């Protein structure tokens, strides 16, 4: 006589049910950990990709809303003379000022060890002497060797003047992180980046900056820290009498 199949009359279902429960438990013990691992891997991959995409997108924006002040982030100066990178930023800020984007300009940046001048002071002097901006319209914030420290000081400066909005002038890839830090210090921020300099010259350079800024942005958002990243020019740029930039190894990276 043929044996009865499971579930048919005559089958011992009392033995079959425990086997099904054991298989179900083994399946859950495998499925849950694997799902967790896959989820964590997806987060680890997608988060940097998403941030990098945001940095790339922000770099291509030129935000020029009517604001209380234009904020020029610091870059190297040599004995009071702005480096080409800083001069590009100052010129861009001057153009925004002349276009009526804001009635005031704030220059930012401290000084490296051994320097006699600050980045903020060198920038302010250039805007007044070369740009013809009234001294009463240019405010130096000579604080900070990294963006976070500088933005905290700029937030205090905005508070003293009862300002609330600002347009940040910096390199393209730095815009997203600078805006986030400014907003966290009470400034409604926009970004209008420069389009000159080594940071925008080649695709390899652009990719390098996006990767480094992705790490810098995540470090700030997750840990509240401003990590060290290369100088915005990668190589330190010196000024020769002809006004043509020439490069030498960088010695003082900013963060």
Protein backbone atom coordinates (compact mmCIF):
# COMPACT_ATOMS: atom_id res chain seq x y z
CA UNK A 1 0.00 0.00 0.00
CA UNK A 2 1.39 3.53 -0.80
CA UNK A 3 2.30 5.65 2.15
CA UNK A 4 0.19 8.73 2.86
CA UNK A 5 1.65 12.10 1.87
CA UNK A 6 2.07 14.85 4.51
CA UNK A 7 -1.20 16.59 5.16
CA UNK A 8 -3.24 13.63 3.87
CA UNK A 9 -5.24 11.38 6.10
CA UNK A 10 -2.93 9.10 8.00
CA UNK A 11 0.03 11.51 8.08
CA UNK A 12 1.58 12.21 11.47
CA UNK A 13 1.42 16.04 11.41
CA UNK A 14 2.62 16.24 15.01
CA UNK A 15 6.13 15.33 13.76
CA UNK A 16 5.97 17.59 10.67
CA UNK A 17 5.09 20.81 12.54
CA UNK A 18 8.23 20.92 14.77
CA UNK A 19 10.42 20.39 11.67
CA UNK A 20 8.77 23.38 9.95
CA UNK A 21 9.24 25.56 13.03
CA UNK A 22 12.94 24.65 13.21
CA UNK A 23 13.44 25.47 9.54
CA UNK A 24 11.64 28.79 10.03
CA UNK A 25 13.89 29.69 13.00
CA UNK A 26 17.04 28.80 11.06
CA UNK A 27 15.80 30.94 8.18
CA UNK A 28 15.20 33.93 10.47
CA UNK A 29 18.61 33.56 12.13
CA UNK A 30 20.16 33.80 8.67
CA UNK A 31 17.89 36.38 7.05
CA UNK A 32 17.93 39.02 9.81
CA UNK A 33 21.74 39.35 10.16
CA UNK A 34 22.22 39.32 6.39
CA UNK A 35 19.56 42.03 5.98
CA UNK A 36 21.25 44.16 8.66
CA UNK A 37 24.66 43.79 7.00
CA UNK A 38 23.26 44.63 3.57
CA UNK A 39 21.49 47.67 5.02
CA UNK A 40 24.66 48.94 6.70
CA UNK A 41 26.68 48.42 3.51
CA UNK A 42 24.05 50.32 1.54
CA UNK A 43 24.23 53.22 4.01
CA UNK A 44 28.03 53.18 3.94
CA UNK A 45 28.03 53.38 0.14
CA UNK A 46 25.03 55.60 -0.56
CA UNK A 47 25.76 58.26 2.09
CA UNK A 48 29.12 59.39 0.65
CA UNK A 49 27.75 59.15 -2.88
CA UNK A 50 24.78 61.34 -1.91
CA UNK A 51 27.00 63.91 -0.17
CA UNK A 52 29.45 63.94 -3.07
CA UNK A 53 26.59 64.55 -5.48
CA UNK A 54 25.37 67.44 -3.33
CA UNK A 55 28.88 68.94 -3.28
CA UNK A 56 29.09 68.61 -7.07
CA UNK A 57 25.68 70.22 -7.51
CA UNK A 58 26.36 73.08 -5.08
CA UNK A 59 29.66 73.81 -6.82
CA UNK A 60 27.74 74.58 -10.00
CA UNK A 61 25.37 77.07 -8.39
CA UNK A 62 25.90 80.82 -8.35
CA UNK A 63 23.60 82.07 -5.60
CA UNK A 64 23.32 85.84 -5.44
CA UNK A 65 20.33 86.73 -3.22
CA UNK A 66 20.14 90.23 -1.77
CA UNK A 67 21.93 89.83 1.56
CA UNK A 68 23.34 91.75 4.50
CA UNK A 69 26.99 91.01 3.70
CA UNK A 70 29.36 89.13 1.42
CA UNK A 71 31.67 86.72 3.26
CA UNK A 72 35.12 86.14 1.72
CA UNK A 73 36.73 83.02 3.17
CA UNK A 74 40.47 83.22 3.74
CA UNK A 75 43.32 81.86 1.68
CA UNK A 76 47.07 82.43 1.78
CA UNK A 77 48.61 85.88 1.90
CA UNK A 78 52.28 86.73 1.55
CA UNK A 79 53.49 89.57 3.76
CA UNK A 80 50.17 91.36 3.39
CA UNK A 81 49.76 90.64 -0.33
CA UNK A 82 46.84 88.32 -1.20
CA UNK A 83 47.82 85.11 -2.99
CA UNK A 84 46.21 84.52 -6.39
CA UNK A 85 43.58 82.30 -4.76
CA UNK A 86 42.64 84.99 -2.24
CA UNK A 87 42.77 87.69 -4.92
CA UNK A 88 40.33 85.72 -7.12
CA UNK A 89 37.94 85.53 -4.18
CA UNK A 90 38.32 89.23 -3.38
CA UNK A 91 37.70 90.20 -6.99
CA UNK A 92 34.58 88.03 -7.11
CA UNK A 93 33.33 89.59 -3.87
CA UNK A 94 34.05 93.05 -5.30
CA UNK A 95 31.97 92.21 -8.38
CA UNK A 96 29.08 91.06 -6.17
CA UNK A 97 29.35 94.24 -4.11
CA UNK A 98 29.30 96.42 -7.22
CA UNK A 99 26.27 94.49 -8.49
CA UNK A 100 24.40 95.40 -5.32
CA UNK A 101 24.22 91.89 -3.86
CA UNK A 102 25.14 93.24 -0.40
CA UNK A 103 26.14 96.60 1.10
CA UNK A 104 29.07 95.22 3.11
CA UNK A 105 31.94 92.74 2.78
CA UNK A 106 33.40 90.59 5.56
CA UNK A 107 36.92 89.22 5.05
CA UNK A 108 37.86 86.18 7.10
CA UNK A 109 40.99 84.36 8.20
CA UNK A 110 43.73 84.37 10.80
CA UNK A 111 47.47 84.10 10.36
CA UNK A 112 49.94 81.25 10.17
CA UNK A 113 52.74 80.97 12.69
CA UNK A 114 55.37 83.58 11.95
CA UNK A 115 53.16 85.70 9.70
CA UNK A 116 52.93 89.44 10.31
CA UNK A 117 49.58 89.81 8.57
CA UNK A 118 46.25 88.03 8.74
CA UNK A 119 44.31 86.78 5.74
CA UNK A 120 41.36 88.94 6.78
CA UNK A 121 43.53 92.05 7.12
CA UNK A 122 45.24 91.51 3.78
CA UNK A 123 41.87 91.00 2.11
CA UNK A 124 40.37 94.11 3.68
CA UNK A 125 43.32 96.25 2.63
CA UNK A 126 43.09 94.99 -0.96
CA UNK A 127 39.36 95.73 -1.20
CA UNK A 128 39.87 99.27 0.11
CA UNK A 129 43.08 100.14 -1.75
CA UNK A 130 42.62 98.22 -5.00
CA UNK A 131 38.87 97.81 -5.12
CA UNK A 132 37.88 101.26 -3.95
CA UNK A 133 35.38 99.97 -1.38
CA UNK A 134 34.81 102.46 1.48
CA UNK A 135 36.61 101.37 4.63
CA UNK A 136 33.34 101.62 6.56
CA UNK A 137 31.89 98.87 4.35
CA UNK A 138 34.64 96.26 4.83
CA UNK A 139 34.92 94.31 8.09
CA UNK A 140 37.85 92.04 8.89
CA UNK A 141 37.40 88.96 11.07
CA UNK A 142 41.04 87.91 11.65
CA UNK A 143 40.15 84.63 13.35
CA UNK A 144 40.52 81.03 12.35
CA UNK A 145 42.89 78.64 10.65
CA UNK A 146 39.98 76.43 9.59
CA UNK A 147 36.49 77.05 8.24
CA UNK A 148 34.62 76.09 11.39
CA UNK A 149 36.61 78.40 13.66
CA UNK A 150 36.22 81.22 11.15
CA UNK A 151 32.48 80.72 10.76
CA UNK A 152 31.93 80.86 14.51
CA UNK A 153 33.71 84.24 14.55
CA UNK A 154 31.73 85.43 11.52
CA UNK A 155 28.51 84.44 13.29
CA UNK A 156 29.52 86.65 16.22
CA UNK A 157 30.31 89.52 13.81
CA UNK A 158 26.91 89.16 12.17
CA UNK A 159 25.29 89.26 15.60
CA UNK A 160 27.03 92.52 16.48
CA UNK A 161 25.68 94.15 13.32
CA UNK A 162 22.27 92.50 13.59
CA UNK A 163 22.79 90.88 10.20
CA UNK A 164 21.09 87.63 9.27
CA UNK A 165 22.04 86.74 5.69
CA UNK A 166 25.29 86.39 3.78
CA UNK A 167 26.71 85.25 0.44
CA UNK A 168 29.84 83.14 0.86
CA UNK A 169 32.70 83.47 -1.63
CA UNK A 170 35.04 80.49 -1.71
CA UNK A 171 36.15 77.73 -4.08
CA UNK A 172 33.31 75.73 -5.70
CA UNK A 173 33.81 72.45 -3.85
CA UNK A 174 33.92 74.18 -0.49
CA UNK A 175 30.49 75.77 -0.86
CA UNK A 176 28.26 73.10 0.70
CA UNK A 177 30.36 72.67 3.86
CA UNK A 178 30.83 76.42 4.27
CA UNK A 179 27.08 77.02 3.95
CA UNK A 180 26.29 74.34 6.52
CA UNK A 181 28.75 75.79 9.03
CA UNK A 182 27.45 79.32 8.44
CA UNK A 183 23.84 78.24 8.92
CA UNK A 184 24.78 76.44 12.15
CA UNK A 185 26.14 79.77 13.38
CA UNK A 186 22.96 81.72 12.71
CA UNK A 187 23.59 82.93 9.16
CA UNK A 188 21.11 82.39 6.34
CA UNK A 189 23.78 81.52 3.81
CA UNK A 190 24.13 81.34 0.04
CA UNK A 191 27.28 80.54 -1.96
CA UNK A 192 28.74 82.25 -5.00
CA UNK A 193 32.02 80.47 -5.79
CA UNK A 194 34.96 81.65 -7.83
CA UNK A 195 35.60 79.95 -11.17
CA UNK A 196 39.36 80.44 -11.29
CA UNK A 197 42.26 78.47 -9.90
CA UNK A 198 43.69 74.94 -9.81
CA UNK A 199 40.66 73.49 -8.02
CA UNK A 200 38.59 73.77 -11.21
CA UNK A 201 41.25 73.17 -13.87
CA UNK A 202 41.06 69.41 -14.51
CA UNK A 203 38.60 66.58 -13.92
CA UNK A 204 41.15 64.75 -11.77
CA UNK A 205 41.55 67.81 -9.56
CA UNK A 206 37.80 68.26 -9.31
CA UNK A 207 37.31 64.60 -8.34
CA UNK A 208 40.08 64.93 -5.74
CA UNK A 209 38.37 67.91 -4.14
CA UNK A 210 34.93 66.30 -4.16
CA UNK A 211 36.31 63.23 -2.37
CA UNK A 212 38.13 65.30 0.25
CA UNK A 213 35.19 67.63 0.79
CA UNK A 214 32.86 64.64 1.16
CA UNK A 215 35.02 63.44 4.05
CA UNK A 216 35.18 66.95 5.51
CA UNK A 217 31.41 67.44 5.32
CA UNK A 218 30.64 64.06 6.91
CA UNK A 219 33.20 64.67 9.65
CA UNK A 220 31.52 67.96 10.50
CA UNK A 221 27.93 66.67 10.34
CA UNK A 222 28.61 63.45 12.26
CA UNK A 223 31.37 64.56 14.65
CA UNK A 224 31.12 68.35 14.72
CA UNK A 225 34.75 68.67 13.65
CA UNK A 226 36.55 70.51 10.88
CA UNK A 227 39.10 68.04 9.55
CA UNK A 228 42.28 68.99 7.77
CA UNK A 229 41.94 69.17 4.00
CA UNK A 230 44.46 70.40 1.45
CA UNK A 231 44.95 74.08 0.76
CA UNK A 232 42.33 75.16 -1.77
CA UNK A 233 45.07 75.52 -4.37
CA UNK A 234 46.67 72.09 -3.66
CA UNK A 235 49.99 73.77 -4.38
CA UNK A 236 51.06 77.00 -2.79
CA UNK A 237 51.00 79.75 -5.40
CA UNK A 238 53.48 82.60 -5.42
CA UNK A 239 53.10 85.93 -7.13
CA UNK A 240 55.73 87.04 -9.61
CA UNK A 241 56.08 90.59 -10.96
CA UNK A 242 54.24 89.72 -14.18
CA UNK A 243 51.18 88.69 -12.18
CA UNK A 244 51.33 85.13 -13.53
CA UNK A 245 50.93 82.51 -10.81
CA UNK A 246 53.74 80.02 -10.33
CA UNK A 247 53.55 76.98 -8.11
CA UNK A 248 55.63 75.51 -5.34
CA UNK A 249 54.88 72.80 -2.77
CA UNK A 250 52.22 73.73 -0.24
CA UNK A 251 53.39 74.40 3.30
CA UNK A 252 50.29 75.45 5.24
CA UNK A 253 47.10 73.51 4.44
CA UNK A 254 43.80 74.92 5.67
CA UNK A 255 40.96 72.94 7.12
